[in-house]
N, C-alpha and C. Protein backbone atom coordinates (compact mmCIF):
# COMPACT_ATOMS: atom_id res chain seq x y z
N UNK A 1 13.16 23.03 27.42
CA UNK A 1 13.35 21.41 26.60
C UNK A 1 14.29 22.27 25.48
N UNK A 2 15.22 20.88 25.45
CA UNK A 2 16.28 21.06 24.38
C UNK A 2 16.17 21.04 23.33
N UNK A 3 16.93 21.72 22.09
CA UNK A 3 16.63 21.77 21.08
C UNK A 3 16.55 20.69 20.16
N UNK A 4 17.40 19.86 20.97
CA UNK A 4 17.31 18.30 20.23
C UNK A 4 16.00 17.38 20.30
N UNK A 5 15.29 18.11 21.68
CA UNK A 5 14.50 17.32 22.31
C UNK A 5 12.90 18.28 21.33
N UNK A 6 12.78 19.31 21.18
CA UNK A 6 12.14 19.72 20.25
C UNK A 6 11.90 19.17 18.90
N UNK A 7 12.66 19.55 18.71
CA UNK A 7 13.69 18.66 16.96
C UNK A 7 12.48 17.03 16.42
N UNK A 8 13.21 16.42 18.08
CA UNK A 8 12.91 14.81 18.25
C UNK A 8 10.51 15.15 17.83
N UNK A 9 10.00 16.33 18.83
CA UNK A 9 8.52 16.05 18.95
C UNK A 9 8.17 16.78 17.62
N UNK A 10 9.25 17.68 16.93
CA UNK A 10 8.20 17.38 15.43
C UNK A 10 8.13 17.17 14.57
N UNK A 11 9.41 16.18 14.57
CA UNK A 11 9.70 15.02 13.79
C UNK A 11 8.43 13.89 13.95
N UNK A 12 8.51 13.69 15.40
CA UNK A 12 6.84 12.76 15.42
C UNK A 12 5.54 13.06 15.01
N UNK A 13 5.67 14.36 15.01
CA UNK A 13 4.07 14.73 15.25
C UNK A 13 3.60 15.38 13.36
N UNK A 14 4.88 15.04 12.50
CA UNK A 14 5.08 15.63 11.24
C UNK A 14 5.71 14.66 10.19
N UNK A 15 5.66 13.25 10.47
CA UNK A 15 6.68 12.35 9.71
C UNK A 15 5.53 11.95 8.81
N UNK A 16 5.20 12.21 7.57
CA UNK A 16 4.30 11.09 6.46
C UNK A 16 4.67 9.66 6.66
N UNK A 17 3.57 9.25 6.55
CA UNK A 17 4.89 7.28 6.34
C UNK A 17 5.29 7.20 4.98
N UNK A 18 4.81 8.15 3.86
CA UNK A 18 5.51 8.33 2.55
C UNK A 18 6.58 8.15 2.52
N UNK A 19 7.15 8.75 3.60
CA UNK A 19 8.47 8.99 3.60
C UNK A 19 9.51 7.61 4.73
N UNK A 20 8.88 6.85 4.89
CA UNK A 20 9.57 5.33 5.33
C UNK A 20 10.09 4.40 3.99
N UNK A 21 9.30 4.71 2.99
CA UNK A 21 9.71 4.45 1.45
C UNK A 21 10.50 5.55 1.06
N UNK A 22 10.57 6.43 1.33
CA UNK A 22 12.40 7.07 0.96
C UNK A 22 13.49 6.82 1.92
N UNK A 23 13.17 6.10 3.02
CA UNK A 23 14.13 6.50 4.34
C UNK A 23 15.15 4.75 3.83
N UNK A 24 13.56 4.22 3.16
CA UNK A 24 14.09 2.31 2.97
C UNK A 24 15.19 2.82 1.85
N UNK A 25 14.50 3.34 1.03
CA UNK A 25 15.42 3.74 -0.97
C UNK A 25 16.36 4.47 -0.94
N UNK A 26 16.56 4.99 -0.09
CA UNK A 26 17.79 5.77 0.35
C UNK A 26 18.57 5.14 0.92
N UNK A 27 18.25 3.72 1.77
CA UNK A 27 19.34 3.00 2.59
C UNK A 27 19.85 1.96 1.36
N UNK A 28 18.65 1.51 1.18
CA UNK A 28 19.03 0.75 -0.75
C UNK A 28 20.21 0.73 -1.50
N UNK A 29 20.11 2.20 -2.03
CA UNK A 29 20.74 3.05 -2.58
C UNK A 29 22.08 3.04 -1.83
N UNK A 30 22.17 3.17 -0.48
CA UNK A 30 23.53 4.02 -0.15
C UNK A 30 24.36 2.40 -0.10
N UNK A 31 23.43 0.96 0.10
CA UNK A 31 24.11 -0.21 0.59
C UNK A 31 24.46 -0.72 -0.94
N UNK A 32 23.78 -0.41 -1.91
CA UNK A 32 24.29 -1.07 -3.15
C UNK A 32 25.68 -0.67 -3.50
N UNK A 33 25.91 0.74 -3.18
CA UNK A 33 27.06 1.86 -3.21
C UNK A 33 27.94 1.48 -2.86
N UNK A 34 27.55 0.79 -1.69
CA UNK A 34 29.11 0.81 -0.74
C UNK A 34 29.16 -0.94 -1.82
N UNK A 35 28.39 -1.97 -1.83
CA UNK A 35 28.67 -3.18 -2.39
C UNK A 35 29.61 -2.62 -3.65
N UNK A 36 29.04 -2.01 -4.38
CA UNK A 36 29.99 -1.32 -5.41
C UNK A 36 30.98 -0.79 -5.77
N UNK A 37 31.70 -0.15 -4.18
CA UNK A 37 32.82 0.56 -3.89
C UNK A 37 33.44 -0.44 -3.47
N UNK A 38 33.29 -1.74 -2.91
CA UNK A 38 33.82 -2.37 -2.38
C UNK A 38 34.52 -3.50 -3.90
N UNK A 39 33.99 -3.83 -4.87
CA UNK A 39 34.02 -4.39 -5.85
C UNK A 39 34.43 -4.33 -6.86
N UNK A 40 34.48 -2.29 -6.89
CA UNK A 40 35.71 -1.84 -7.77
C UNK A 40 36.08 -1.02 -6.84
N UNK A 41 37.29 -1.42 -5.80
CA UNK A 41 38.08 -0.86 -4.81
C UNK A 41 38.98 0.01 -6.25
N UNK A 42 39.57 -1.02 -6.88
CA UNK A 42 40.93 0.21 -7.79
C UNK A 42 39.47 1.64 -8.50
N UNK A 43 38.49 1.34 -9.04
CA UNK A 43 38.01 1.89 -9.12
C UNK A 43 37.59 3.72 -8.77
N UNK A 44 37.33 3.63 -7.59
CA UNK A 44 37.16 4.30 -6.64
C UNK A 44 38.19 5.00 -6.10
N UNK A 45 39.92 4.35 -5.99
CA UNK A 45 41.24 4.98 -5.30
C UNK A 45 41.28 5.58 -6.50
N UNK A 46 41.56 5.23 -8.42
CA UNK A 46 41.53 5.69 -9.24
C UNK A 46 40.92 7.84 -9.31
N UNK A 47 39.71 7.18 -9.03
CA UNK A 47 38.38 8.66 -8.86
C UNK A 47 38.72 10.05 -7.81
N UNK A 48 39.19 9.37 -6.34
CA UNK A 48 40.16 10.02 -5.22
C UNK A 48 41.11 10.68 -6.49
N UNK A 49 42.67 9.92 -6.94
CA UNK A 49 43.38 10.53 -7.35
C UNK A 49 43.45 11.39 -8.21
N UNK A 50 42.07 11.25 -9.14
CA UNK A 50 42.26 11.98 -10.62
C UNK A 50 41.91 13.57 -10.33
N UNK A 51 41.33 13.80 -8.81
CA UNK A 51 39.70 14.45 -8.28
C UNK A 51 41.11 15.51 -7.53
N UNK A 52 41.97 14.97 -7.11
CA UNK A 52 43.46 15.97 -6.14
C UNK A 52 42.66 15.25 -4.79
N UNK A 53 42.34 14.41 -4.40
CA UNK A 53 41.49 13.85 -3.33
C UNK A 53 43.18 12.79 -2.72
N UNK A 54 43.02 12.80 -0.83
CA UNK A 54 43.88 11.66 -0.86
C UNK A 54 42.84 10.08 -1.14
N UNK A 55 43.91 9.97 -1.06
CA UNK A 55 43.71 8.61 -1.89
C UNK A 55 44.53 7.29 -1.21
N UNK A 56 43.80 5.88 -1.52
CA UNK A 56 44.82 4.73 -0.52
C UNK A 56 43.58 4.02 -0.04
N UNK A 57 44.02 2.84 0.08
CA UNK A 57 42.96 1.41 0.14
C UNK A 57 42.21 1.91 1.26
N UNK A 58 43.34 2.19 2.41
CA UNK A 58 42.15 2.08 3.63
C UNK A 58 40.90 3.63 3.73
N UNK A 59 40.61 4.91 2.66
CA UNK A 59 40.40 5.42 2.46
C UNK A 59 39.00 5.26 2.16
N UNK A 60 39.18 4.30 0.48
CA UNK A 60 38.16 3.37 -0.26
C UNK A 60 37.34 2.59 1.04
N UNK A 61 38.61 1.64 1.52
CA UNK A 61 37.58 0.64 2.08
C UNK A 61 37.13 1.39 3.21
N UNK A 62 37.22 2.66 3.96
CA UNK A 62 36.46 3.00 4.81
C UNK A 62 35.53 4.11 4.32
N UNK A 63 35.05 4.39 3.07
CA UNK A 63 33.87 5.23 2.48
C UNK A 63 33.28 3.65 1.72
N UNK A 64 33.44 2.80 1.17
CA UNK A 64 32.68 1.90 1.47
C UNK A 64 32.17 1.26 2.43
N UNK A 65 32.97 1.09 3.70
CA UNK A 65 32.01 0.07 4.80
C UNK A 65 31.23 1.34 5.41
N UNK A 66 31.66 2.79 5.45
CA UNK A 66 29.87 3.95 5.97
C UNK A 66 28.93 3.60 5.55
N UNK A 67 29.22 3.86 3.36
CA UNK A 67 27.90 3.44 2.81
C UNK A 67 27.46 1.90 3.21
N UNK A 68 28.10 0.80 3.36
CA UNK A 68 27.16 -0.43 3.89
C UNK A 68 26.24 0.10 4.96
N UNK A 69 27.31 0.13 6.36
CA UNK A 69 26.95 0.17 7.02
C UNK A 69 25.78 1.32 7.36
N UNK A 70 25.67 2.42 7.12
CA UNK A 70 24.89 3.46 6.76
C UNK A 70 23.87 2.78 5.94
N UNK A 71 23.91 2.11 5.52
CA UNK A 71 22.33 1.60 4.15
C UNK A 71 21.75 0.76 5.23
N UNK A 72 22.50 -0.05 5.63
CA UNK A 72 21.77 -1.02 6.34
C UNK A 72 20.92 -0.55 7.72
N UNK A 73 21.80 0.37 8.37
CA UNK A 73 20.73 1.08 9.43
C UNK A 73 19.69 1.90 8.90
N UNK A 74 20.05 2.70 7.83
CA UNK A 74 18.70 3.59 7.48
C UNK A 74 17.78 2.45 7.04
N UNK A 75 18.01 1.37 6.86
CA UNK A 75 16.63 0.31 6.08
C UNK A 75 16.21 0.22 6.66
N UNK A 76 16.54 0.05 8.17
CA UNK A 76 15.69 -0.64 9.21
C UNK A 76 14.72 0.80 10.10
N UNK A 77 15.59 1.82 10.01
CA UNK A 77 15.52 3.19 10.92
C UNK A 77 16.70 3.26 12.38
N UNK A 78 17.25 2.38 12.43
CA UNK A 78 18.46 2.09 13.63
C UNK A 78 19.19 3.83 13.23
N UNK A 79 19.29 3.72 14.71
CA UNK A 79 20.06 5.03 14.73
C UNK A 79 20.20 5.92 12.94
N UNK A 80 18.65 6.37 12.90
CA UNK A 80 18.98 6.83 11.91
C UNK A 80 19.53 8.41 11.54
N UNK A 81 19.98 9.11 12.82
CA UNK A 81 20.48 10.60 12.24
C UNK A 81 21.92 10.40 12.44
N UNK A 82 21.93 9.29 13.21
CA UNK A 82 23.74 9.36 13.43
C UNK A 82 24.58 8.94 11.78
N UNK A 83 23.40 7.70 11.22
CA UNK A 83 23.91 7.03 9.92
C UNK A 83 23.53 7.90 9.21
N UNK A 84 22.97 8.39 8.92
CA UNK A 84 22.77 9.95 7.75
C UNK A 84 23.93 10.78 8.09
N UNK A 85 23.92 10.93 8.76
CA UNK A 85 25.06 11.97 9.43
C UNK A 85 26.47 12.20 9.01
N UNK A 86 26.67 10.72 8.92
CA UNK A 86 28.02 9.73 8.80
C UNK A 86 27.90 10.22 7.49
N UNK A 87 26.88 9.81 6.24
CA UNK A 87 27.41 9.84 5.02
C UNK A 87 27.50 11.19 4.22
N UNK A 88 26.69 12.50 5.41
CA UNK A 88 26.79 14.24 4.24
C UNK A 88 28.87 14.16 4.40
N UNK A 89 29.26 14.08 4.65
CA UNK A 89 30.86 14.77 4.44
C UNK A 89 31.23 13.69 3.15
N UNK A 90 30.56 12.50 2.75
CA UNK A 90 30.83 11.85 1.63
C UNK A 90 30.45 12.64 0.85
N UNK A 91 29.25 12.48 0.75
CA UNK A 91 28.07 12.99 -0.35
C UNK A 91 28.91 14.60 -0.39
N UNK A 92 29.26 15.54 0.46
CA UNK A 92 29.36 16.56 0.31
C UNK A 92 30.89 16.93 -1.03
N UNK A 93 31.77 15.62 -0.65
CA UNK A 93 32.87 15.51 -1.46
C UNK A 93 32.90 15.28 -2.93
N UNK A 94 31.78 14.18 -2.73
CA UNK A 94 30.83 13.57 -4.37
C UNK A 94 30.66 14.94 -5.01
N UNK A 95 29.89 15.54 -4.56
CA UNK A 95 29.07 16.04 -5.14
C UNK A 95 29.51 17.62 -5.92
N UNK A 96 31.05 18.30 -4.99
CA UNK A 96 30.94 19.60 -4.81
C UNK A 96 33.16 18.89 -5.61
N UNK A 97 33.10 18.00 -5.49
CA UNK A 97 34.92 17.57 -5.69
C UNK A 97 34.80 17.02 -6.70
N UNK A 98 33.73 15.87 -6.63
CA UNK A 98 33.93 15.15 -7.97
C UNK A 98 32.98 15.22 -9.14
N UNK A 99 31.85 15.35 -8.73
CA UNK A 99 30.82 15.20 -9.95
C UNK A 99 30.93 16.74 -10.45
N UNK A 100 31.49 18.04 -9.79
CA UNK A 100 31.36 18.99 -10.17
C UNK A 100 32.31 19.19 -11.51
N UNK A 101 33.59 18.27 -11.09
CA UNK A 101 34.98 18.41 -11.86
C UNK A 101 34.93 17.62 -12.84
N UNK A 102 33.86 17.04 -13.21
CA UNK A 102 33.13 15.93 -14.20
C UNK A 102 32.46 16.72 -15.12
N UNK A 103 31.79 17.84 -14.67
CA UNK A 103 30.63 18.73 -15.28
C UNK A 103 29.71 17.69 -15.24
N UNK A 104 28.32 19.02 -15.15
CA UNK A 104 27.02 18.44 -14.15
C UNK A 104 26.28 17.84 -15.52
N UNK A 105 26.45 17.68 -16.40
CA UNK A 105 25.71 17.59 -17.54
C UNK A 105 26.65 16.46 -18.43
N UNK A 106 27.75 16.06 -17.80
CA UNK A 106 28.95 15.09 -18.52
C UNK A 106 27.91 13.69 -18.11
N UNK A 107 28.07 13.03 -19.44
CA UNK A 107 27.34 11.88 -19.78
C UNK A 107 28.16 10.79 -18.40
N UNK A 108 29.35 10.49 -17.63
CA UNK A 108 29.53 9.90 -16.94
C UNK A 108 28.89 11.00 -14.98
N UNK A 109 28.88 12.06 -15.38
CA UNK A 109 28.43 12.69 -14.21
C UNK A 109 27.49 11.92 -13.75
N UNK A 110 27.80 11.46 -11.94
CA UNK A 110 26.34 11.43 -11.53
C UNK A 110 25.51 12.59 -10.30
N UNK A 111 25.88 13.77 -11.04
CA UNK A 111 25.39 14.85 -9.86
C UNK A 111 24.69 14.98 -9.48
N UNK A 112 23.26 14.85 -10.44
CA UNK A 112 21.76 14.72 -10.02
C UNK A 112 21.72 13.54 -8.86
N UNK A 113 22.28 12.47 -8.81
CA UNK A 113 22.08 11.36 -8.11
C UNK A 113 22.90 11.75 -6.77
N UNK A 114 24.08 11.90 -6.38
CA UNK A 114 24.60 12.66 -5.35
C UNK A 114 23.84 13.50 -5.29
N UNK A 115 23.78 15.17 -5.50
CA UNK A 115 22.93 16.06 -4.71
C UNK A 115 21.86 15.38 -4.05
N UNK A 116 20.75 14.59 -5.03
CA UNK A 116 19.78 14.07 -4.42
C UNK A 116 19.68 13.56 -2.97
N UNK A 117 20.73 12.50 -3.11
CA UNK A 117 20.96 12.06 -1.98
C UNK A 117 21.96 12.73 -0.75
N UNK A 118 22.69 13.33 -1.01
CA UNK A 118 22.82 14.43 -0.22
C UNK A 118 21.49 14.87 0.27
N UNK A 119 20.97 15.48 -0.25
CA UNK A 119 19.69 16.28 0.60
C UNK A 119 19.14 15.48 1.40
N UNK A 120 18.47 14.50 0.89
CA UNK A 120 18.14 13.30 1.21
C UNK A 120 18.53 12.71 2.87
N UNK A 121 19.87 12.77 2.50
CA UNK A 121 21.17 12.79 4.38
C UNK A 121 20.38 13.60 5.08
N UNK A 122 20.72 14.54 4.06
CA UNK A 122 20.35 16.08 5.79
C UNK A 122 18.81 15.65 6.21
N UNK A 123 18.34 15.86 5.04
CA UNK A 123 16.68 15.92 5.53
C UNK A 123 16.49 14.87 6.71
N UNK A 124 17.20 13.82 6.60
CA UNK A 124 16.89 12.22 7.16
C UNK A 124 17.57 12.53 8.73
N UNK A 125 19.07 13.68 8.68
CA UNK A 125 19.70 13.75 9.99
C UNK A 125 18.74 14.79 10.82
N UNK A 126 17.96 15.66 10.42
CA UNK A 126 17.15 16.33 11.13
C UNK A 126 16.06 15.78 11.27
N UNK A 127 15.29 14.83 10.82
CA UNK A 127 14.23 14.39 10.92
C UNK A 127 13.60 13.26 11.37
N UNK A 128 14.94 11.80 11.09
CA UNK A 128 15.45 10.82 12.05
C UNK A 128 14.11 9.89 11.19
N UNK A 129 14.26 8.76 12.17
CA UNK A 129 14.12 7.81 11.27
C UNK A 129 12.08 7.82 11.64
N UNK A 130 11.24 8.58 12.02
CA UNK A 130 10.05 8.37 11.83
C UNK A 130 9.68 7.20 12.63
N UNK A 131 8.09 7.52 12.42
CA UNK A 131 7.19 6.53 13.25
C UNK A 131 7.65 5.02 13.37
N UNK A 132 7.51 4.66 11.75
CA UNK A 132 7.84 3.24 11.62
C UNK A 132 9.43 2.89 11.34
N UNK A 133 9.82 3.03 12.55
CA UNK A 133 11.45 2.64 12.19
C UNK A 133 11.80 2.12 13.61
N UNK A 134 12.90 1.41 14.22
CA UNK A 134 13.74 0.72 15.52
C UNK A 134 13.93 2.11 16.38
N UNK A 135 14.24 2.87 15.85
CA UNK A 135 14.77 3.97 17.15
C UNK A 135 13.44 4.62 17.47
N UNK A 136 12.22 4.62 16.61
CA UNK A 136 11.12 4.64 17.67
C UNK A 136 9.82 3.80 18.17
N UNK A 137 10.78 2.56 17.71
CA UNK A 137 9.94 1.16 18.43
C UNK A 137 11.39 1.45 20.22
N UNK A 138 12.32 1.47 19.58
CA UNK A 138 13.63 1.69 20.97
C UNK A 138 12.67 2.56 21.96
N UNK A 139 12.23 3.74 21.28
CA UNK A 139 12.64 5.05 22.25
C UNK A 139 11.00 4.40 23.45
N UNK A 140 10.04 4.32 22.68
CA UNK A 140 9.07 3.60 23.09
C UNK A 140 9.21 2.40 23.82
N UNK A 141 9.64 1.43 23.87
CA UNK A 141 9.79 0.31 25.07
C UNK A 141 11.36 -0.04 25.12
N UNK A 142 11.96 0.79 26.26
CA UNK A 142 13.29 0.85 26.68
C UNK A 142 13.24 -0.26 27.07
N UNK A 143 12.88 -1.29 27.13
CA UNK A 143 13.61 -2.14 28.27
C UNK A 143 14.17 -3.50 27.30
């Protein structure tokens, strides 16, 4: 039995229903953050420049699109592991390179929010969409 198969079997038997609400809330947060990044692309570019990170229109657009698509996919639980996993590098940069430099307890810091979202993304990358998701539906109904 492969490791991914074992992980999937464990996930199916140990997934409480309230995690569906958590997955949908995470998807909505990412979707809204993606919309915010699109509407304020200049602000996102400035944040990247101030923190000595690669910046540009293409990178800020890519971050926004990844958040939008990730949120859209996480809400119904479609390709949950892939959608959550694609967000992790962005959130690692946000937590460890952007928010820590601003100060963990600074007024403008989103450190705690970013850290919670990162932890939830790692969790759903491992856990998957659960029994109330399109992943589960398509797994049970292959046609």
